[in-house]
Amino acid sequence: MSVALMEIANGLKDGLMNVERTLTRLETRLDMLQDGEIKERHR
């Protein structure tokens, strides 16, 4: 595979990993918000 294609593949892989990390952070925040809502309802 040419160097250019390898660089493109590495860039895409890095981008995908960043998207996965962002998604994980957002899921964590959503879980925290949902937990807070549940606690508010039971007060």
C-alpha atoms as a PDB file:
ATOM      1  CA  MET A   1       0.000   0.000   0.000  1.00  0.00           C
ATOM      2  CA  SER A   2       1.299   3.442  -0.816  1.00  0.00           C
ATOM      3  CA  VAL A   3       2.444   5.792   1.929  1.00  0.00           C
ATOM      4  CA  ALA A   4      -0.382   8.222   1.086  1.00  0.00           C
ATOM      5  CA  LEU A   5      -3.020   5.522   1.522  1.00  0.00           C
ATOM      6  CA  MET A   6      -1.471   4.435   4.806  1.00  0.00           C
ATOM      7  CA  GLU A   7      -1.556   8.036   6.041  1.00  0.00           C
ATOM      8  CA  ILE A   8      -5.215   8.363   5.022  1.00  0.00           C
ATOM      9  CA  ALA A   9      -6.056   5.083   6.765  1.00  0.00           C
ATOM     10  CA  ASN A  10      -4.260   6.213   9.933  1.00  0.00           C
ATOM     11  CA  GLY A  11      -6.094   9.549   9.864  1.00  0.00           C
ATOM     12  CA  LEU A  12      -9.447   7.818   9.486  1.00  0.00           C
ATOM     13  CA  LYS A  13      -8.618   5.429  12.322  1.00  0.00           C
ATOM     14  CA  ASP A  14      -7.610   8.312  14.600  1.00  0.00           C
ATOM     15  CA  GLY A  15     -10.784  10.203  13.702  1.00  0.00           C
ATOM     16  CA  LEU A  16     -12.937   7.172  14.445  1.00  0.00           C
ATOM     17  CA  MET A  17     -11.218   6.667  17.794  1.00  0.00           C
ATOM     18  CA  ASN A  18     -11.928  10.327  18.654  1.00  0.00           C
ATOM     19  CA  VAL A  19     -15.592   9.862  17.725  1.00  0.00           C
ATOM     20  CA  GLU A  20     -15.784   6.749  19.925  1.00  0.00           C
ATOM     21  CA  ARG A  21     -14.233   8.610  22.882  1.00  0.00           C
ATOM     22  CA  THR A  22     -16.648  11.510  22.423  1.00  0.00           C
ATOM     23  CA  LEU A  23     -19.599   9.106  22.242  1.00  0.00           C
ATOM     24  CA  THR A  24     -18.472   7.391  25.435  1.00  0.00           C
ATOM     25  CA  ARG A  25     -18.230  10.771  27.232  1.00  0.00           C
ATOM     26  CA  LEU A  26     -21.692  11.780  26.001  1.00  0.00           C
ATOM     27  CA  GLU A  27     -23.180   8.445  27.106  1.00  0.00           C
ATOM     28  CA  THR A  28     -21.637   8.931  30.544  1.00  0.00           C
ATOM     29  CA  ARG A  29     -23.079  12.446  30.798  1.00  0.00           C
ATOM     30  CA  LEU A  30     -26.500  11.201  29.694  1.00  0.00           C
ATOM     31  CA  ASP A  31     -26.414   8.468  32.335  1.00  0.00           C
ATOM     32  CA  MET A  32     -25.528  11.051  34.983  1.00  0.00           C
ATOM     33  CA  LEU A  33     -28.359  13.342  33.869  1.00  0.00           C
ATOM     34  CA  GLN A  34     -30.835  10.449  33.895  1.00  0.00           C
ATOM     35  CA  ASP A  35     -29.683   9.412  37.373  1.00  0.00           C
ATOM     36  CA  GLY A  36     -30.222  12.985  38.571  1.00  0.00           C
ATOM     37  CA  GLU A  37     -33.729  13.047  37.086  1.00  0.00           C
ATOM     38  CA  ILE A  38     -34.662   9.808  38.803  1.00  0.00           C
ATOM     39  CA  LYS A  39     -33.419  11.128  42.147  1.00  0.00           C
ATOM     40  CA  GLU A  40     -35.398  14.375  41.663  1.00  0.00           C
ATOM     41  CA  ARG A  41     -38.625  12.451  40.987  1.00  0.00           C
ATOM     42  CA  HIS A  42     -38.289  10.415  44.182  1.00  0.00           C
ATOM     43  CA  ARG A  43     -37.899  13.420  46.476  1.00  0.00           C
END
